[in-house]
C-alpha atoms as a PDB file:
ATOM      1  CA  MET A   1     128.575 104.327 112.474  1.00  0.00           C
ATOM      2  CA  GLU A   2     127.656 107.898 111.533  1.00  0.00           C
ATOM      3  CA  ILE A   3     124.313 108.292 109.735  1.00  0.00           C
ATOM      4  CA  VAL A   4     123.686 111.045 107.212  1.00  0.00           C
ATOM      5  CA  ASN A   5     120.004 111.340 106.261  1.00  0.00           C
ATOM      6  CA  ASN A   6     118.202 113.016 103.410  1.00  0.00           C
ATOM      7  CA  PRO A   7     120.910 114.263 101.069  1.00  0.00           C
ATOM      8  CA  PRO A   8     119.828 117.190  98.909  1.00  0.00           C
ATOM      9  CA  ALA A   9     117.762 115.998  95.976  1.00  0.00           C
ATOM     10  CA  ALA A  10     119.115 116.902  92.570  1.00  0.00           C
ATOM     11  CA  LEU A  11     115.788 116.285  90.881  1.00  0.00           C
ATOM     12  CA  LEU A  12     112.290 115.633  92.182  1.00  0.00           C
ATOM     13  CA  PRO A  13     111.217 112.072  91.324  1.00  0.00           C
ATOM     14  CA  ARG A  14     108.796 112.078  88.394  1.00  0.00           C
ATOM     15  CA  SER A  15     105.986 110.464  90.397  1.00  0.00           C
ATOM     16  CA  ALA A  16     106.292 113.199  93.053  1.00  0.00           C
ATOM     17  CA  TRP A  17     106.298 115.886  90.354  1.00  0.00           C
ATOM     18  CA  ILE A  18     103.191 114.333  88.772  1.00  0.00           C
ATOM     19  CA  ARG A  19     101.368 114.289  92.125  1.00  0.00           C
ATOM     20  CA  SER A  20     102.314 117.919  92.717  1.00  0.00           C
ATOM     21  CA  ARG A  21     101.229 118.935  89.218  1.00  0.00           C
ATOM     22  CA  ILE A  22      97.919 117.080  89.617  1.00  0.00           C
ATOM     23  CA  ALA A  23      97.269 118.969  92.872  1.00  0.00           C
ATOM     24  CA  ASP A  24      98.156 122.279  91.182  1.00  0.00           C
ATOM     25  CA  ILE A  25      95.769 121.613  88.291  1.00  0.00           C
ATOM     26  CA  LYS A  26      92.940 120.491  90.596  1.00  0.00           C
ATOM     27  CA  ASN A  27      93.356 123.610  92.742  1.00  0.00           C
ATOM     28  CA  ALA A  28      93.382 125.866  89.680  1.00  0.00           C
ATOM     29  CA  ILE A  29      90.219 124.205  88.348  1.00  0.00           C
ATOM     30  CA  ILE A  30      88.494 124.685  91.712  1.00  0.00           C
ATOM     31  CA  ARG A  31      89.464 128.387  91.811  1.00  0.00           C
ATOM     32  CA  TYR A  32      88.221 128.947  88.250  1.00  0.00           C
ATOM     33  CA  GLU A  33      84.938 127.144  88.944  1.00  0.00           C
ATOM     34  CA  GLN A  34      84.409 129.087  92.192  1.00  0.00           C
ATOM     35  CA  ASP A  35      84.955 132.361  90.294  1.00  0.00           C
ATOM     36  CA  GLY A  36      82.541 131.287  87.550  1.00  0.00           C
ATOM     37  CA  GLU A  37      85.319 131.198  84.961  1.00  0.00           C
ATOM     38  CA  GLU A  38      85.514 128.670  82.159  1.00  0.00           C
ATOM     39  CA  VAL A  39      88.176 126.067  82.858  1.00  0.00           C
ATOM     40  CA  PRO A  40      90.561 125.674  79.902  1.00  0.00           C
ATOM     41  CA  GLY A  41      90.136 122.285  78.249  1.00  0.00           C
ATOM     42  CA  GLU A  42      93.914 121.835  78.201  1.00  0.00           C
ATOM     43  CA  TRP A  43      93.902 121.715  82.011  1.00  0.00           C
ATOM     44  CA  ARG A  44      91.388 118.877  82.073  1.00  0.00           C
ATOM     45  CA  GLN A  45      93.298 117.035  79.341  1.00  0.00           C
ATOM     46  CA  GLU A  46      96.591 117.360  81.218  1.00  0.00           C
ATOM     47  CA  LEU A  47      94.894 116.266  84.459  1.00  0.00           C
ATOM     48  CA  ALA A  48      93.505 113.156  82.742  1.00  0.00           C
ATOM     49  CA  LEU A  49      96.859 112.375  81.116  1.00  0.00           C
ATOM     50  CA  LEU A  50      98.863 112.761  84.334  1.00  0.00           C
ATOM     51  CA  THR A  51      96.343 110.799  86.371  1.00  0.00           C
ATOM     52  CA  SER A  52      96.394 107.932  83.883  1.00  0.00           C
ATOM     53  CA  GLU A  53     100.203 108.010  83.751  1.00  0.00           C
ATOM     54  CA  LEU A  54     100.417 107.824  87.525  1.00  0.00           C
ATOM     55  CA  GLU A  55      97.953 104.934  87.701  1.00  0.00           C
ATOM     56  CA  ASP A  56      99.194 102.982  84.651  1.00  0.00           C
ATOM     57  CA  PRO A  57     100.797  99.740  85.920  1.00  0.00           C
ATOM     58  CA  LEU A  58     103.252  99.654  83.003  1.00  0.00           C
ATOM     59  CA  VAL A  59     104.458 103.182  83.735  1.00  0.00           C
ATOM     60  CA  ILE A  60     104.760 102.328  87.429  1.00  0.00           C
ATOM     61  CA  ASP A  61     106.812  99.204  86.589  1.00  0.00           C
ATOM     62  CA  ILE A  62     109.093 101.196  84.281  1.00  0.00           C
ATOM     63  CA  LEU A  63     109.666 103.889  86.917  1.00  0.00           C
ATOM     64  CA  LYS A  64     110.427 101.255  89.565  1.00  0.00           C
ATOM     65  CA  ALA A  65     112.924  99.584  87.216  1.00  0.00           C
ATOM     66  CA  ILE A  66     114.651 102.908  86.549  1.00  0.00           C
ATOM     67  CA  GLN A  67     114.801 103.657  90.274  1.00  0.00           C
ATOM     68  CA  GLY A  68     116.274 100.200  90.899  1.00  0.00           C
ATOM     69  CA  VAL A  69     119.009 100.725  88.308  1.00  0.00           C
ATOM     70  CA  LEU A  70     119.813 104.151  89.730  1.00  0.00           C
ATOM     71  CA  LEU A  71     119.935 102.796  93.277  1.00  0.00           C
ATOM     72  CA  ASP A  72     122.245  99.950  92.196  1.00  0.00           C
ATOM     73  CA  LYS A  73     124.538 102.475  90.472  1.00  0.00           C
ATOM     74  CA  ALA A  74     124.529 104.730  93.563  1.00  0.00           C
ATOM     75  CA  LYS A  75     125.432 101.760  95.777  1.00  0.00           C
ATOM     76  CA  SER A  76     128.315 100.874  93.472  1.00  0.00           C
ATOM     77  CA  VAL A  77     129.730 104.410  93.261  1.00  0.00           C
ATOM     78  CA  LEU A  78     129.288 105.148  96.963  1.00  0.00           C
ATOM     79  CA  GLY A  79     130.646 101.761  97.991  1.00  0.00           C
ATOM     80  CA  ASP A  80     133.929 102.692  96.297  1.00  0.00           C
ATOM     81  CA  LYS A  81     134.049 105.729  98.608  1.00  0.00           C
ATOM     82  CA  GLY A  82     133.399 103.768 101.815  1.00  0.00           C
ATOM     83  CA  LEU A  83     129.712 104.731 101.963  1.00  0.00           C
ATOM     84  CA  SER A  84     126.546 102.712 101.648  1.00  0.00           C
ATOM     85  CA  VAL A  85     123.053 103.788 100.689  1.00  0.00           C
ATOM     86  CA  MET A  86     119.602 102.533 101.603  1.00  0.00           C
ATOM     87  CA  CYS A  87     116.292 103.474 100.008  1.00  0.00           C
ATOM     88  CA  HIS A  88     113.151 103.549 102.143  1.00  0.00           C
ATOM     89  CA  ARG A  89     109.768 105.267 102.123  1.00  0.00           C
ATOM     90  CA  ASP A  90     108.710 108.087 104.423  1.00  0.00           C
ATOM     91  CA  ALA A  91     105.144 109.296 103.974  1.00  0.00           C
ATOM     92  CA  GLY A  92     104.992 107.601 100.590  1.00  0.00           C
ATOM     93  CA  ALA A  93     108.014 109.342  99.074  1.00  0.00           C
ATOM     94  CA  PRO A  94     111.252 107.395  98.538  1.00  0.00           C
ATOM     95  CA  THR A  95     114.114 108.610 100.727  1.00  0.00           C
ATOM     96  CA  LEU A  96     117.794 107.769 100.468  1.00  0.00           C
ATOM     97  CA  SER A  97     119.945 107.400 103.567  1.00  0.00           C
ATOM     98  CA  LEU A  98     123.742 107.387 103.401  1.00  0.00           C
ATOM     99  CA  PHE A  99     125.928 105.512 105.865  1.00  0.00           C
ATOM    100  CA  LYS A 100     129.663 105.599 106.426  1.00  0.00           C
ATOM    101  CA  GLY A 101     131.248 102.164 106.211  1.00  0.00           C
ATOM    102  CA  GLY A 102     129.650  98.744 105.790  1.00  0.00           C
ATOM    103  CA  ALA A 103     127.062  97.614 103.291  1.00  0.00           C
ATOM    104  CA  SER A 104     123.439  98.647 103.674  1.00  0.00           C
END
């Protein structure tokens, strides 16, 4: 069985984008504070909003449900083409692996 790993991502998962954006905002705040500049209030508001969104159990459940539906759809479409797909986590980020033949 031939294994094809890590297909190109069409869109960064929202949780990964949020983590990246949080890191960007934190780094910008640190740079501003180190330079003695006033940190825009909007940055702190966005940081608080994104952090709460990432930690909110309801949001996490909704995102997991969406990912589950998308994975089920991918399995269905790819199965018709003689491929199977498996979702697993590497370093915390979900990764899809495609396989030729057989169910995953």
